[in-house]
Every structure is written in structure tokens, then in C-alpha cells.
Amino acid sequence: KEMHVKEGTNCKICNRLIPPDQTSLKYEGLEYEWNASLNGYSVKASKADTEKLTNVQIPAEINGYPVTEIGDYAFHFCESLAEIEMPDSIVRIGRMAFCGCSVLNGIKIPHAVF
């Protein structure tokens, strides 16, 4: 079994990112879940979280770990969402993430999104 010594968010021996202890959390009104395949947090919003959102700024990181994904259906039918800012750390936008966001003015998609 491989041994890692955590220092910050990485192993001080091999410098590999070590997953956080808290894999699901709420931060600034949105839910986030750890996505091991993307080595970062994924925005996972529920209808209750998004009902009154008008402007959202996704952080580049939470507790030193990157936010790498807007999850499937994250802002699905968030009819009040007018603006969203995404950091360059976002590499994936999930299915139907912004479907039904009828007042959304536009989205600047980071270059690394696949």
C-alpha cells in the first residue's frame, strides 16, 4: 500500500493531490461534492438552493482544493439566475446544467472545458 504524508492538499513525498476529508459540503449557499475523476469539487445545487439565486460566483477553490466542474442539472430551471461567473479551474459543465435558466444573460465558458 502506498504511503502519503499530507502537507496542505498534497502529499509531501510524491506531490500528488490527496482527496479532502470532507467530500460533500455547503459553501456560500451552494452544495459541492468531491469528484475523484476530476480531482476537484463539483457544484451540485438543489432546487431549494437555486430558487432565489440571481448572481453566482463559483470559487476557483474551496479549502485549497480546486472547483473543477458544474455538475449535471446544477442550476436546472433556476429561473432567477441572471449572471454566473466561473473560474478557469472549471474543466467540465454537466448535462442540462443551465437548462431552463430563462433570464441568464450569458455565460463565459473557461477555455479548458470539455
C-alpha atoms as a PDB file:
ATOM      1  CA  LYS A   1       0.000   0.000   0.000  1.00  0.00           C
ATOM      2  CA  GLU A   2       1.266   3.444  -0.970  1.00  0.00           C
ATOM      3  CA  MET A   3       2.081   5.789   1.899  1.00  0.00           C
ATOM      4  CA  HIS A   4       1.339   9.502   1.673  1.00  0.00           C
ATOM      5  CA  VAL A   5       2.244  12.307   4.045  1.00  0.00           C
ATOM      6  CA  LYS A   6      -0.285  15.111   3.742  1.00  0.00           C
ATOM      7  CA  GLU A   7       1.031  18.646   3.641  1.00  0.00           C
ATOM      8  CA  GLY A   8      -1.683  21.126   2.678  1.00  0.00           C
ATOM      9  CA  THR A   9      -3.669  19.433  -0.085  1.00  0.00           C
ATOM     10  CA  ASN A  10      -0.807  17.356  -1.499  1.00  0.00           C
ATOM     11  CA  CYS A  11       1.473  14.524  -0.450  1.00  0.00           C
ATOM     12  CA  LYS A  12       4.850  15.917   0.563  1.00  0.00           C
ATOM     13  CA  ILE A  13       6.556  12.750  -0.733  1.00  0.00           C
ATOM     14  CA  CYS A  14       5.050  12.425  -4.239  1.00  0.00           C
ATOM     15  CA  ASN A  15       3.237  15.804  -4.533  1.00  0.00           C
ATOM     16  CA  ARG A  16       0.013  14.034  -5.569  1.00  0.00           C
ATOM     17  CA  LEU A  17      -3.281  15.685  -4.621  1.00  0.00           C
ATOM     18  CA  ILE A  18      -4.825  13.952  -1.606  1.00  0.00           C
ATOM     19  CA  PRO A  19      -8.640  13.993  -1.554  1.00  0.00           C
ATOM     20  CA  PRO A  20     -10.200  16.110   1.193  1.00  0.00           C
ATOM     21  CA  ASP A  21     -11.642  14.608   4.365  1.00  0.00           C
ATOM     22  CA  GLN A  22     -14.926  16.398   3.665  1.00  0.00           C
ATOM     23  CA  THR A  23     -16.229  15.084   0.326  1.00  0.00           C
ATOM     24  CA  SER A  24     -19.600  16.886   0.464  1.00  0.00           C
ATOM     25  CA  LEU A  25     -20.010  20.402   1.758  1.00  0.00           C
ATOM     26  CA  LYS A  26     -22.043  23.573   1.545  1.00  0.00           C
ATOM     27  CA  TYR A  27     -20.098  26.722   0.702  1.00  0.00           C
ATOM     28  CA  GLU A  28     -21.536  30.199   0.124  1.00  0.00           C
ATOM     29  CA  GLY A  29     -25.046  28.821  -0.370  1.00  0.00           C
ATOM     30  CA  LEU A  30     -24.260  26.024  -2.838  1.00  0.00           C
ATOM     31  CA  GLU A  31     -23.564  22.334  -2.379  1.00  0.00           C
ATOM     32  CA  TYR A  32     -20.301  20.831  -3.577  1.00  0.00           C
ATOM     33  CA  GLU A  33     -19.271  17.209  -3.917  1.00  0.00           C
ATOM     34  CA  TRP A  34     -15.768  15.784  -4.433  1.00  0.00           C
ATOM     35  CA  ASN A  35     -15.224  14.352  -7.923  1.00  0.00           C
ATOM     36  CA  ALA A  36     -12.231  11.996  -7.776  1.00  0.00           C
ATOM     37  CA  SER A  37     -12.008  11.594 -11.555  1.00  0.00           C
ATOM     38  CA  LEU A  38     -11.531  15.366 -11.983  1.00  0.00           C
ATOM     39  CA  ASN A  39      -9.550  15.869  -8.754  1.00  0.00           C
ATOM     40  CA  GLY A  40     -11.785  18.674  -7.592  1.00  0.00           C
ATOM     41  CA  TYR A  41     -15.125  19.764  -6.261  1.00  0.00           C
ATOM     42  CA  SER A  42     -18.251  19.743  -8.377  1.00  0.00           C
ATOM     43  CA  VAL A  43     -21.083  22.265  -7.923  1.00  0.00           C
ATOM     44  CA  LYS A  44     -24.158  20.247  -7.040  1.00  0.00           C
ATOM     45  CA  ALA A  45     -27.058  22.589  -6.404  1.00  0.00           C
ATOM     46  CA  SER A  46     -30.566  21.525  -5.467  1.00  0.00           C
ATOM     47  CA  LYS A  47     -33.832  23.264  -6.369  1.00  0.00           C
ATOM     48  CA  ALA A  48     -34.056  24.650  -2.827  1.00  0.00           C
ATOM     49  CA  ASP A  49     -30.560  26.126  -3.164  1.00  0.00           C
ATOM     50  CA  THR A  50     -31.159  27.739  -6.532  1.00  0.00           C
ATOM     51  CA  GLU A  51     -34.710  29.094  -6.281  1.00  0.00           C
ATOM     52  CA  LYS A  52     -33.672  32.623  -5.322  1.00  0.00           C
ATOM     53  CA  LEU A  53     -30.227  32.895  -6.876  1.00  0.00           C
ATOM     54  CA  THR A  54     -29.693  35.834  -9.197  1.00  0.00           C
ATOM     55  CA  ASN A  55     -25.896  36.166  -9.358  1.00  0.00           C
ATOM     56  CA  VAL A  56     -23.452  33.344  -8.685  1.00  0.00           C
ATOM     57  CA  GLN A  57     -19.683  33.419  -8.467  1.00  0.00           C
ATOM     58  CA  ILE A  58     -18.154  29.941  -8.412  1.00  0.00           C
ATOM     59  CA  PRO A  59     -14.898  29.948  -6.431  1.00  0.00           C
ATOM     60  CA  ALA A  60     -11.696  28.636  -8.018  1.00  0.00           C
ATOM     61  CA  GLU A  61     -11.044  26.598  -4.873  1.00  0.00           C
ATOM     62  CA  ILE A  62     -12.500  25.639  -1.529  1.00  0.00           C
ATOM     63  CA  ASN A  63     -10.166  24.989   1.404  1.00  0.00           C
ATOM     64  CA  GLY A  64      -7.237  24.743  -1.022  1.00  0.00           C
ATOM     65  CA  TYR A  65      -8.944  22.223  -3.354  1.00  0.00           C
ATOM     66  CA  PRO A  66      -9.953  23.214  -6.888  1.00  0.00           C
ATOM     67  CA  VAL A  67     -13.539  23.508  -8.105  1.00  0.00           C
ATOM     68  CA  THR A  68     -13.411  21.697 -11.449  1.00  0.00           C
ATOM     69  CA  GLU A  69     -16.990  21.021 -12.506  1.00  0.00           C
ATOM     70  CA  ILE A  70     -20.509  22.399 -12.742  1.00  0.00           C
ATOM     71  CA  GLY A  71     -22.440  19.177 -12.123  1.00  0.00           C
ATOM     72  CA  ASP A  72     -25.299  17.684 -14.119  1.00  0.00           C
ATOM     73  CA  TYR A  73     -28.517  19.678 -13.555  1.00  0.00           C
ATOM     74  CA  ALA A  74     -26.701  22.021 -11.125  1.00  0.00           C
ATOM     75  CA  PHE A  75     -28.790  25.102 -11.967  1.00  0.00           C
ATOM     76  CA  HIS A  76     -31.601  23.299 -13.805  1.00  0.00           C
ATOM     77  CA  PHE A  77     -34.624  25.620 -14.070  1.00  0.00           C
ATOM     78  CA  CYS A  78     -33.086  28.253 -11.813  1.00  0.00           C
ATOM     79  CA  GLU A  79     -35.373  30.838 -13.366  1.00  0.00           C
ATOM     80  CA  SER A  80     -33.966  33.761 -11.360  1.00  0.00           C
ATOM     81  CA  LEU A  81     -30.301  33.187 -12.332  1.00  0.00           C
ATOM     82  CA  ALA A  82     -29.163  36.179 -14.403  1.00  0.00           C
ATOM     83  CA  GLU A  83     -25.361  36.014 -14.079  1.00  0.00           C
ATOM     84  CA  ILE A  84     -22.772  33.355 -13.329  1.00  0.00           C
ATOM     85  CA  GLU A  85     -19.001  33.692 -13.093  1.00  0.00           C
ATOM     86  CA  MET A  86     -16.883  30.581 -13.487  1.00  0.00           C
ATOM     87  CA  PRO A  87     -13.172  30.353 -12.701  1.00  0.00           C
ATOM     88  CA  ASP A  88     -10.625  28.951 -15.146  1.00  0.00           C
ATOM     89  CA  SER A  89     -10.381  25.871 -12.894  1.00  0.00           C
ATOM     90  CA  ILE A  90     -13.687  24.584 -14.374  1.00  0.00           C
ATOM     91  CA  VAL A  91     -12.981  21.820 -16.916  1.00  0.00           C
ATOM     92  CA  ARG A  92     -16.450  20.267 -17.263  1.00  0.00           C
ATOM     93  CA  ILE A  93     -20.022  21.552 -17.395  1.00  0.00           C
ATOM     94  CA  GLY A  94     -22.530  18.768 -16.818  1.00  0.00           C
ATOM     95  CA  ARG A  95     -25.633  17.854 -18.769  1.00  0.00           C
ATOM     96  CA  MET A  96     -28.544  20.282 -18.531  1.00  0.00           C
ATOM     97  CA  ALA A  97     -26.589  22.392 -16.005  1.00  0.00           C
ATOM     98  CA  PHE A  98     -28.258  25.624 -17.146  1.00  0.00           C
ATOM     99  CA  CYS A  99     -31.387  24.273 -18.854  1.00  0.00           C
ATOM    100  CA  GLY A 100     -34.417  26.451 -18.110  1.00  0.00           C
ATOM    101  CA  CYS A 101     -32.389  29.413 -16.816  1.00  0.00           C
ATOM    102  CA  SER A 102     -34.620  31.789 -18.738  1.00  0.00           C
ATOM    103  CA  VAL A 103     -33.109  35.098 -17.576  1.00  0.00           C
ATOM    104  CA  LEU A 104     -29.455  34.067 -17.811  1.00  0.00           C
ATOM    105  CA  ASN A 105     -27.732  36.822 -19.811  1.00  0.00           C
ATOM    106  CA  GLY A 106     -24.805  34.717 -20.997  1.00  0.00           C
ATOM    107  CA  ILE A 107     -22.004  32.519 -19.775  1.00  0.00           C
ATOM    108  CA  LYS A 108     -18.270  32.934 -20.251  1.00  0.00           C
ATOM    109  CA  ILE A 109     -17.023  29.360 -20.545  1.00  0.00           C
ATOM    110  CA  PRO A 110     -13.420  28.720 -19.473  1.00  0.00           C
ATOM    111  CA  HIS A 111     -11.096  27.506 -22.245  1.00  0.00           C
ATOM    112  CA  ALA A 112     -10.333  24.186 -20.556  1.00  0.00           C
ATOM    113  CA  VAL A 113     -13.973  22.969 -20.560  1.00  0.00           C
ATOM    114  CA  PHE A 114     -14.510  19.701 -22.432  1.00  0.00           C
END
